[in-house]
Amino acid sequence: MPIVVTLDVMLARRKMRSRELAERVGITEANLSLLKSGKVRGVRFDTLSRICDALQCQPGDLLAWEPGPEPPEET
């Protein structure tokens, strides 16, 4: 997948647990887990903004582009 989510790296750098981030952002741990694993098709800008605020980082610290094949479209 060309877009890679590096949220787990930033959590480790900030010494913060997923549960704490989920509480601060106002999303479920399950949704945060899906985001961390890259199994989401999108993320709302307001959610991304709250994550960046809680972790004191930029969106580019959480997302990276890597060349590779696109995932197959779901029908």
Protein backbone atom coordinates (compact mmCIF):
# COMPACT_ATOMS: atom_id res chain seq x y z
CA MET A 1 0.00 0.00 0.00
CA PRO A 2 1.50 3.34 -0.96
CA ILE A 3 0.26 5.24 2.12
CA VAL A 4 1.75 3.87 5.34
CA VAL A 5 0.45 4.89 8.77
CA THR A 6 3.27 5.37 11.28
CA LEU A 7 1.09 6.22 14.26
CA ASP A 8 2.62 3.44 16.36
CA VAL A 9 6.07 5.01 15.92
CA MET A 10 4.83 8.39 17.14
CA LEU A 11 3.05 6.79 20.09
CA ALA A 12 6.31 5.11 21.10
CA ARG A 13 8.24 8.38 20.75
CA ARG A 14 5.72 10.17 22.95
CA LYS A 15 5.58 7.24 25.40
CA MET A 16 1.81 7.20 25.11
CA ARG A 17 -0.48 4.20 25.01
CA SER A 18 -3.20 3.73 22.43
CA ARG A 19 -5.85 3.82 25.15
CA GLU A 20 -4.71 7.26 26.33
CA LEU A 21 -4.62 8.64 22.79
CA ALA A 22 -8.07 7.26 22.03
CA GLU A 23 -9.46 8.95 25.14
CA ARG A 24 -7.80 12.28 24.30
CA VAL A 25 -8.98 12.20 20.68
CA GLY A 26 -12.48 10.92 21.44
CA ILE A 27 -12.43 7.77 19.31
CA THR A 28 -12.66 4.12 20.26
CA GLU A 29 -9.58 2.01 20.78
CA ALA A 30 -10.90 -0.27 18.03
CA ASN A 31 -10.98 2.57 15.50
CA LEU A 32 -7.53 3.72 16.58
CA SER A 33 -6.26 0.16 16.13
CA LEU A 34 -7.70 0.04 12.61
CA LEU A 35 -6.01 3.34 11.82
CA LYS A 36 -2.67 2.15 13.23
CA SER A 37 -2.81 -1.00 11.11
CA GLY A 38 -3.65 0.93 7.94
CA LYS A 39 -6.93 -0.93 7.50
CA VAL A 40 -8.97 2.23 7.00
CA ARG A 41 -9.75 3.82 3.66
CA GLY A 42 -9.69 7.34 5.03
CA VAL A 43 -9.46 9.52 8.10
CA ARG A 44 -11.36 12.73 8.81
CA PHE A 45 -9.29 15.86 8.99
CA ASP A 46 -10.76 16.77 12.37
CA THR A 47 -9.71 13.37 13.75
CA LEU A 48 -6.24 13.76 12.25
CA SER A 49 -6.03 17.25 13.75
CA ARG A 50 -6.96 15.98 17.23
CA ILE A 51 -4.38 13.18 16.96
CA CYS A 52 -1.70 15.69 15.93
CA ASP A 53 -2.68 17.97 18.81
CA ALA A 54 -2.52 15.14 21.36
CA LEU A 55 0.85 13.91 20.05
CA GLN A 56 2.22 17.39 19.27
CA CYS A 57 3.20 16.37 15.74
CA GLN A 58 2.48 17.09 12.09
CA PRO A 59 0.30 14.91 9.80
CA GLY A 60 3.47 13.99 7.90
CA ASP A 61 4.83 12.45 11.10
CA LEU A 62 1.92 9.97 11.00
CA LEU A 63 1.61 9.22 7.29
CA ALA A 64 4.21 8.26 4.73
CA TRP A 65 4.08 7.39 1.04
CA GLU A 66 5.96 4.34 -0.15
CA PRO A 67 5.99 3.15 -3.74
CA GLY A 68 4.16 -0.09 -4.34
CA PRO A 69 1.05 -1.60 -5.82
CA GLU A 70 -2.34 -0.16 -5.01
CA PRO A 71 -4.59 -2.46 -2.98
CA PRO A 72 -7.39 -4.05 -5.00
CA GLU A 73 -10.67 -2.15 -5.07
CA GLU A 74 -13.40 -3.63 -2.91
CA THR A 75 -16.73 -4.27 -4.59
